[in-house]
PDB file of N, CA and C in Angstrom:
ATOM      1  N   UNK A   1       0.726  -1.560  -0.099  1.00  0.00           N
ATOM      2  CA  UNK A   1       0.341  -0.294   0.569  1.00  0.00           C
ATOM      3  C   UNK A   1       0.682   1.740   0.393  1.00  0.00           C
ATOM      4  N   UNK A   2       0.916   2.218  -0.875  1.00  0.00           N
ATOM      5  CA  UNK A   2       1.460   3.636  -1.235  1.00  0.00           C
ATOM      6  C   UNK A   2       0.476   4.787  -0.368  1.00  0.00           C
ATOM      7  N   UNK A   3       1.316   5.797   0.326  1.00  0.00           N
ATOM      8  CA  UNK A   3      -0.049   6.945   0.531  1.00  0.00           C
ATOM      9  C   UNK A   3      -0.608   7.469  -0.810  1.00  0.00           C
ATOM     10  N   UNK A   4      -0.406   7.708  -2.365  1.00  0.00           N
ATOM     11  CA  UNK A   4      -0.529   7.962  -3.209  1.00  0.00           C
ATOM     12  C   UNK A   4      -0.223   9.436  -2.668  1.00  0.00           C
ATOM     13  N   UNK A   5       0.915  10.328  -2.494  1.00  0.00           N
ATOM     14  CA  UNK A   5       0.353  11.253  -2.144  1.00  0.00           C
ATOM     15  C   UNK A   5       0.826  12.462  -3.233  1.00  0.00           C
ATOM     16  N   UNK A   6       0.407  13.497  -3.747  1.00  0.00           N
ATOM     17  CA  UNK A   6       0.941  13.857  -4.144  1.00  0.00           C
ATOM     18  C   UNK A   6       1.136  15.344  -4.143  1.00  0.00           C
ATOM     19  N   UNK A   7       2.720  16.562  -5.220  1.00  0.00           N
ATOM     20  CA  UNK A   7       2.244  17.993  -4.839  1.00  0.00           C
ATOM     21  C   UNK A   7       2.416  18.802  -3.996  1.00  0.00           C
ATOM     22  N   UNK A   8       3.666  17.319  -2.823  1.00  0.00           N
ATOM     23  CA  UNK A   8       4.291  17.931  -1.754  1.00  0.00           C
ATOM     24  C   UNK A   8       5.599  17.295  -2.027  1.00  0.00           C
ATOM     25  N   UNK A   9       6.493  17.759  -1.464  1.00  0.00           N
ATOM     26  CA  UNK A   9       7.997  17.539  -1.149  1.00  0.00           C
ATOM     27  C   UNK A   9       8.119  17.283   0.236  1.00  0.00           C
ATOM     28  N   UNK A  10       9.576  16.414   0.261  1.00  0.00           N
ATOM     29  CA  UNK A  10       9.964  15.692   1.508  1.00  0.00           C
ATOM     30  C   UNK A  10       9.359  17.005   2.808  1.00  0.00           C
ATOM     31  N   UNK A  11      10.005  18.456   2.353  1.00  0.00           N
ATOM     32  CA  UNK A  11      10.268  18.959   3.345  1.00  0.00           C
ATOM     33  C   UNK A  11       8.512  19.936   3.625  1.00  0.00           C
ATOM     34  N   UNK A  12       7.594  19.271   3.194  1.00  0.00           N
ATOM     35  CA  UNK A  12       6.593  19.646   3.245  1.00  0.00           C
ATOM     36  C   UNK A  12       6.470  18.908   4.356  1.00  0.00           C
ATOM     37  N   UNK A  13       6.319  17.993   4.058  1.00  0.00           N
ATOM     38  CA  UNK A  13       5.957  16.707   5.425  1.00  0.00           C
ATOM     39  C   UNK A  13       6.504  16.973   6.487  1.00  0.00           C
ATOM     40  N   UNK A  14       8.024  17.410   6.512  1.00  0.00           N
ATOM     41  CA  UNK A  14       7.965  17.828   7.275  1.00  0.00           C
ATOM     42  C   UNK A  14       8.234  18.701   7.635  1.00  0.00           C
ATOM     43  N   UNK A  15       7.725  19.971   7.470  1.00  0.00           N
ATOM     44  CA  UNK A  15       7.420  20.913   8.400  1.00  0.00           C
ATOM     45  C   UNK A  15       5.453  21.297   8.373  1.00  0.00           C
ATOM     46  N   UNK A  16       5.383  19.709   7.745  1.00  0.00           N
ATOM     47  CA  UNK A  16       3.437  19.748   8.785  1.00  0.00           C
ATOM     48  C   UNK A  16       3.722  18.551  10.144  1.00  0.00           C
ATOM     49  N   UNK A  17       4.891  18.014   9.984  1.00  0.00           N
ATOM     50  CA  UNK A  17       5.401  17.449  11.143  1.00  0.00           C
ATOM     51  C   UNK A  17       5.624  17.699  12.834  1.00  0.00           C
ATOM     52  N   UNK A  18       6.118  19.705  11.976  1.00  0.00           N
ATOM     53  CA  UNK A  18       6.052  20.415  13.067  1.00  0.00           C
ATOM     54  C   UNK A  18       4.754  21.073  13.685  1.00  0.00           C
ATOM     55  N   UNK A  19       4.296  21.147  12.844  1.00  0.00           N
ATOM     56  CA  UNK A  19       3.368  21.090  13.056  1.00  0.00           C
ATOM     57  C   UNK A  19       1.752  20.637  13.581  1.00  0.00           C
ATOM     58  N   UNK A  20       2.261  19.454  13.265  1.00  0.00           N
ATOM     59  CA  UNK A  20       1.626  18.634  14.269  1.00  0.00           C
ATOM     60  C   UNK A  20       2.098  18.623  15.236  1.00  0.00           C
ATOM     61  N   UNK A  21       4.032  18.244  15.604  1.00  0.00           N
ATOM     62  CA  UNK A  21       4.166  17.316  16.487  1.00  0.00           C
ATOM     63  C   UNK A  21       3.432  18.839  17.932  1.00  0.00           C
ATOM     64  N   UNK A  22       4.010  20.455  17.538  1.00  0.00           N
ATOM     65  CA  UNK A  22       3.688  21.038  18.311  1.00  0.00           C
ATOM     66  C   UNK A  22       2.508  21.370  18.970  1.00  0.00           C
ATOM     67  N   UNK A  23       1.558  21.398  18.047  1.00  0.00           N
ATOM     68  CA  UNK A  23       0.306  21.393  17.928  1.00  0.00           C
ATOM     69  C   UNK A  23      -0.313  20.487  19.326  1.00  0.00           C
ATOM     70  N   UNK A  24       0.021  19.297  19.301  1.00  0.00           N
ATOM     71  CA  UNK A  24       0.360  18.054  20.052  1.00  0.00           C
ATOM     72  C   UNK A  24       0.611  18.598  21.110  1.00  0.00           C
ATOM     73  N   UNK A  25       1.697  18.902  21.428  1.00  0.00           N
ATOM     74  CA  UNK A  25       2.405  19.931  23.071  1.00  0.00           C
ATOM     75  C   UNK A  25       3.582  19.535  23.314  1.00  0.00           C
ATOM     76  N   UNK A  26       4.309  18.885  21.687  1.00  0.00           N
ATOM     77  CA  UNK A  26       5.808  18.968  22.108  1.00  0.00           C
ATOM     78  C   UNK A  26       5.931  20.731  22.185  1.00  0.00           C
ATOM     79  N   UNK A  27       7.601  20.296  22.597  1.00  0.00           N
ATOM     80  CA  UNK A  27       8.536  21.797  22.909  1.00  0.00           C
ATOM     81  C   UNK A  27       9.283  21.685  21.806  1.00  0.00           C
ATOM     82  N   UNK A  28       9.688  23.310  21.662  1.00  0.00           N
ATOM     83  CA  UNK A  28      10.458  23.504  20.186  1.00  0.00           C
ATOM     84  C   UNK A  28      11.515  22.786  19.808  1.00  0.00           C
ATOM     85  N   UNK A  29      12.675  21.879  21.635  1.00  0.00           N
ATOM     86  CA  UNK A  29      13.371  21.384  21.157  1.00  0.00           C
ATOM     87  C   UNK A  29      13.384  19.778  20.830  1.00  0.00           C
ATOM     88  N   UNK A  30      11.512  19.334  21.497  1.00  0.00           N
ATOM     89  CA  UNK A  30      11.299  17.933  21.353  1.00  0.00           C
ATOM     90  C   UNK A  30      11.219  17.749  19.956  1.00  0.00           C
ATOM     91  N   UNK A  31      10.606  18.952  19.527  1.00  0.00           N
ATOM     92  CA  UNK A  31       9.940  18.958  17.198  1.00  0.00           C
ATOM     93  C   UNK A  31      11.147  19.181  16.842  1.00  0.00           C
ATOM     94  N   UNK A  32      12.224  19.336  16.647  1.00  0.00           N
ATOM     95  CA  UNK A  32      13.551  19.357  16.537  1.00  0.00           C
ATOM     96  C   UNK A  32      14.380  18.799  16.705  1.00  0.00           C
ATOM     97  N   UNK A  33      14.228  18.031  18.207  1.00  0.00           N
ATOM     98  CA  UNK A  33      14.783  16.487  17.827  1.00  0.00           C
ATOM     99  C   UNK A  33      14.844  15.109  16.829  1.00  0.00           C
ATOM    100  N   UNK A  34      12.795  15.057  17.119  1.00  0.00           N
ATOM    101  CA  UNK A  34      12.103  14.719  15.905  1.00  0.00           C
ATOM    102  C   UNK A  34      12.855  14.873  14.220  1.00  0.00           C
ATOM    103  N   UNK A  35      12.449  15.399  14.234  1.00  0.00           N
ATOM    104  CA  UNK A  35      12.181  16.149  12.419  1.00  0.00           C
ATOM    105  C   UNK A  35      13.473  16.277  12.053  1.00  0.00           C
ATOM    106  N   UNK A  36      15.117  16.397  12.636  1.00  0.00           N
ATOM    107  CA  UNK A  36      16.326  17.244  12.246  1.00  0.00           C
ATOM    108  C   UNK A  36      16.451  18.299  12.235  1.00  0.00           C
ATOM    109  N   UNK A  37      15.176  19.607  12.178  1.00  0.00           N
ATOM    110  CA  UNK A  37      14.964  20.821  12.264  1.00  0.00           C
ATOM    111  C   UNK A  37      16.519  21.557  13.071  1.00  0.00           C
ATOM    112  N   UNK A  38      16.620  22.389  12.518  1.00  0.00           N
ATOM    113  CA  UNK A  38      17.279  23.282  14.171  1.00  0.00           C
ATOM    114  C   UNK A  38      16.462  24.026  15.255  1.00  0.00           C
ATOM    115  N   UNK A  39      16.791  24.364  16.022  1.00  0.00           N
ATOM    116  CA  UNK A  39      15.257  25.124  16.609  1.00  0.00           C
ATOM    117  C   UNK A  39      14.930  26.649  15.900  1.00  0.00           C
ATOM    118  N   UNK A  40      15.880  26.958  15.849  1.00  0.00           N
ATOM    119  CA  UNK A  40      15.540  28.400  14.916  1.00  0.00           C
ATOM    120  C   UNK A  40      14.414  27.716  13.039  1.00  0.00           C
ATOM    121  N   UNK A  41      14.548  26.849  12.575  1.00  0.00           N
ATOM    122  CA  UNK A  41      14.017  26.887  11.397  1.00  0.00           C
ATOM    123  C   UNK A  41      12.802  25.806  12.359  1.00  0.00           C
ATOM    124  N   UNK A  42      12.506  25.608  13.428  1.00  0.00           N
ATOM    125  CA  UNK A  42      11.051  24.861  14.242  1.00  0.00           C
ATOM    126  C   UNK A  42      10.263  26.111  13.679  1.00  0.00           C
ATOM    127  N   UNK A  43      11.281  26.956  15.117  1.00  0.00           N
ATOM    128  CA  UNK A  43      10.852  28.752  15.141  1.00  0.00           C
ATOM    129  C   UNK A  43      10.110  29.073  14.136  1.00  0.00           C
ATOM    130  N   UNK A  44      10.987  29.333  12.695  1.00  0.00           N
ATOM    131  CA  UNK A  44      10.649  29.907  11.278  1.00  0.00           C
ATOM    132  C   UNK A  44       9.390  29.228  10.955  1.00  0.00           C
ATOM    133  N   UNK A  45       9.028  28.212  11.408  1.00  0.00           N
ATOM    134  CA  UNK A  45       8.396  27.428  10.038  1.00  0.00           C
ATOM    135  C   UNK A  45       6.763  27.419  11.259  1.00  0.00           C
ATOM    136  N   UNK A  46       6.833  27.427  12.580  1.00  0.00           N
ATOM    137  CA  UNK A  46       6.234  27.972  13.625  1.00  0.00           C
ATOM    138  C   UNK A  46       5.503  28.928  12.897  1.00  0.00           C
ATOM    139  N   UNK A  47       5.977  30.127  12.789  1.00  0.00           N
ATOM    140  CA  UNK A  47       6.016  31.219  12.791  1.00  0.00           C
ATOM    141  C   UNK A  47       5.275  32.019  11.875  1.00  0.00           C
ATOM    142  N   UNK A  48       5.531  30.968  10.630  1.00  0.00           N
ATOM    143  CA  UNK A  48       5.390  31.028   8.990  1.00  0.00           C
ATOM    144  C   UNK A  48       3.302  31.474   8.646  1.00  0.00           C
ATOM    145  N   UNK A  49       4.056  29.667   9.881  1.00  0.00           N
ATOM    146  CA  UNK A  49       2.382  28.969   9.213  1.00  0.00           C
ATOM    147  C   UNK A  49       1.462  28.651  10.680  1.00  0.00           C
ATOM    148  N   UNK A  50       1.958  29.309  11.489  1.00  0.00           N
ATOM    149  CA  UNK A  50       1.235  29.053  12.629  1.00  0.00           C
ATOM    150  C   UNK A  50       1.145  29.708  14.031  1.00  0.00           C
ATOM    151  N   UNK A  51       1.593  30.656  14.558  1.00  0.00           N
ATOM    152  CA  UNK A  51       1.831  31.152  15.245  1.00  0.00           C
ATOM    153  C   UNK A  51       1.231  32.618  14.935  1.00  0.00           C
ATOM    154  N   UNK A  52       0.334  33.398  13.707  1.00  0.00           N
ATOM    155  CA  UNK A  52       0.321  34.164  13.613  1.00  0.00           C
ATOM    156  C   UNK A  52      -1.558  34.019  12.323  1.00  0.00           C
ATOM    157  N   UNK A  53      -2.000  33.061  12.649  1.00  0.00           N
ATOM    158  CA  UNK A  53      -3.001  32.586  11.997  1.00  0.00           C
ATOM    159  C   UNK A  53      -4.048  32.119  13.223  1.00  0.00           C
ATOM    160  N   UNK A  54      -3.544  31.589  14.563  1.00  0.00           N
ATOM    161  CA  UNK A  54      -4.814  30.557  15.174  1.00  0.00           C
ATOM    162  C   UNK A  54      -4.657  31.137  16.115  1.00  0.00           C
ATOM    163  N   UNK A  55      -6.218  31.373  16.109  1.00  0.00           N
ATOM    164  CA  UNK A  55      -6.960  32.041  17.122  1.00  0.00           C
ATOM    165  C   UNK A  55      -7.194  31.718  18.383  1.00  0.00           C
ATOM    166  N   UNK A  56      -6.693  30.488  18.853  1.00  0.00           N
ATOM    167  CA  UNK A  56      -6.837  29.963  20.137  1.00  0.00           C
ATOM    168  C   UNK A  56      -5.254  30.157  20.499  1.00  0.00           C
ATOM    169  N   UNK A  57      -3.917  31.006  20.641  1.00  0.00           N
ATOM    170  CA  UNK A  57      -3.116  31.279  20.727  1.00  0.00           C
ATOM    171  C   UNK A  57      -3.824  32.707  21.177  1.00  0.00           C
ATOM    172  N   UNK A  58      -4.378  33.761  20.313  1.00  0.00           N
ATOM    173  CA  UNK A  58      -4.290  34.631  21.224  1.00  0.00           C
ATOM    174  C   UNK A  58      -5.646  34.915  22.516  1.00  0.00           C
ATOM    175  N   UNK A  59      -6.325  33.805  22.250  1.00  0.00           N
ATOM    176  CA  UNK A  59      -7.034  33.929  23.275  1.00  0.00           C
ATOM    177  C   UNK A  59      -6.772  33.292  24.974  1.00  0.00           C
ATOM    178  N   UNK A  60      -6.031  32.686  24.529  1.00  0.00           N
ATOM    179  CA  UNK A  60      -4.394  31.911  25.684  1.00  0.00           C
ATOM    180  C   UNK A  60      -4.085  33.627  25.869  1.00  0.00           C
ATOM    181  N   UNK A  61      -3.843  34.357  25.294  1.00  0.00           N
ATOM    182  CA  UNK A  61      -2.586  35.091  25.944  1.00  0.00           C
ATOM    183  C   UNK A  61      -4.060  36.094  26.795  1.00  0.00           C
ATOM    184  N   UNK A  62      -4.668  36.436  25.711  1.00  0.00           N
ATOM    185  CA  UNK A  62      -5.753  37.234  26.619  1.00  0.00           C
ATOM    186  C   UNK A  62      -6.192  36.366  28.274  1.00  0.00           C
ATOM    187  N   UNK A  63      -6.836  35.301  27.732  1.00  0.00           N
ATOM    188  CA  UNK A  63      -7.086  34.756  29.324  1.00  0.00           C
ATOM    189  C   UNK A  63      -5.836  34.388  30.057  1.00  0.00           C
ATOM    190  N   UNK A  64      -4.646  34.187  30.247  1.00  0.00           N
ATOM    191  CA  UNK A  64      -3.461  34.332  31.031  1.00  0.00           C
ATOM    192  C   UNK A  64      -2.846  36.481  31.410  1.00  0.00           C
ATOM    193  N   UNK A  65      -3.640  36.775  31.324  1.00  0.00           N
ATOM    194  CA  UNK A  65      -3.570  38.311  30.902  1.00  0.00           C
ATOM    195  C   UNK A  65      -4.937  38.402  31.976  1.00  0.00           C
ATOM    196  N   UNK A  66      -5.929  38.230  31.109  1.00  0.00           N
ATOM    197  CA  UNK A  66      -6.927  38.957  32.503  1.00  0.00           C
ATOM    198  C   UNK A  66      -6.644  38.487  34.016  1.00  0.00           C
ATOM    199  N   UNK A  67      -5.740  36.245  33.559  1.00  0.00           N
ATOM    200  CA  UNK A  67      -5.772  36.447  35.964  1.00  0.00           C
ATOM    201  C   UNK A  67      -4.716  36.594  36.285  1.00  0.00           C
ATOM    202  N   UNK A  68      -3.905  37.066  35.873  1.00  0.00           N
ATOM    203  CA  UNK A  68      -2.692  37.928  36.036  1.00  0.00           C
ATOM    204  C   UNK A  68      -3.323  39.795  36.463  1.00  0.00           C
ATOM    205  N   UNK A  69      -4.372  39.799  36.094  1.00  0.00           N
ATOM    206  CA  UNK A  69      -4.859  41.041  36.248  1.00  0.00           C
ATOM    207  C   UNK A  69      -5.518  40.775  37.256  1.00  0.00           C
ATOM    208  N   UNK A  70      -6.669  39.766  37.362  1.00  0.00           N
ATOM    209  CA  UNK A  70      -7.406  39.290  38.749  1.00  0.00           C
ATOM    210  C   UNK A  70      -6.518  39.231  39.728  1.00  0.00           C
ATOM    211  N   UNK A  71      -5.658  38.502  40.031  1.00  0.00           N
ATOM    212  CA  UNK A  71      -4.778  38.066  40.829  1.00  0.00           C
ATOM    213  C   UNK A  71      -4.055  39.114  41.306  1.00  0.00           C
ATOM    214  N   UNK A  72      -3.094  40.528  40.592  1.00  0.00           N
ATOM    215  CA  UNK A  72      -3.471  41.703  41.456  1.00  0.00           C
ATOM    216  C   UNK A  72      -4.307  42.266  41.794  1.00  0.00           C
ATOM    217  N   UNK A  73      -5.184  42.594  41.222  1.00  0.00           N
ATOM    218  CA  UNK A  73      -6.200  43.522  41.983  1.00  0.00           C
ATOM    219  C   UNK A  73      -6.787  42.535  43.158  1.00  0.00           C
ATOM    220  N   UNK A  74      -6.998  41.308  43.150  1.00  0.00           N
ATOM    221  CA  UNK A  74      -7.121  40.465  44.293  1.00  0.00           C
ATOM    222  C   UNK A  74      -6.166  41.233  45.705  1.00  0.00           C
ATOM    223  N   UNK A  75      -5.101  41.212  45.709  1.00  0.00           N
ATOM    224  CA  UNK A  75      -4.291  41.150  46.252  1.00  0.00           C
ATOM    225  C   UNK A  75      -3.644  42.633  47.061  1.00  0.00           C
ATOM    226  N   UNK A  76      -4.639  43.427  46.549  1.00  0.00           N
ATOM    227  CA  UNK A  76      -4.582  44.869  46.734  1.00  0.00           C
ATOM    228  C   UNK A  76      -5.349  45.198  48.099  1.00  0.00           C
TER     229      UNK A  76
END
């Protein structure tokens, strides 16, 4: 049985692996170890293909900010 994937290169598949591993919770260092990329390349792939497009990251950041504000205000 073959995957019969066309129109992509080995490098495309490695880039997809970077994204999927990261989304599964792997750290950048873990992703780099598995895929053979440098940390710089992992960050570049994530930056170009993921960070700028994921609304969940934005929501998570806002939630963290709201929690920090609530903690600060409750400490007064």
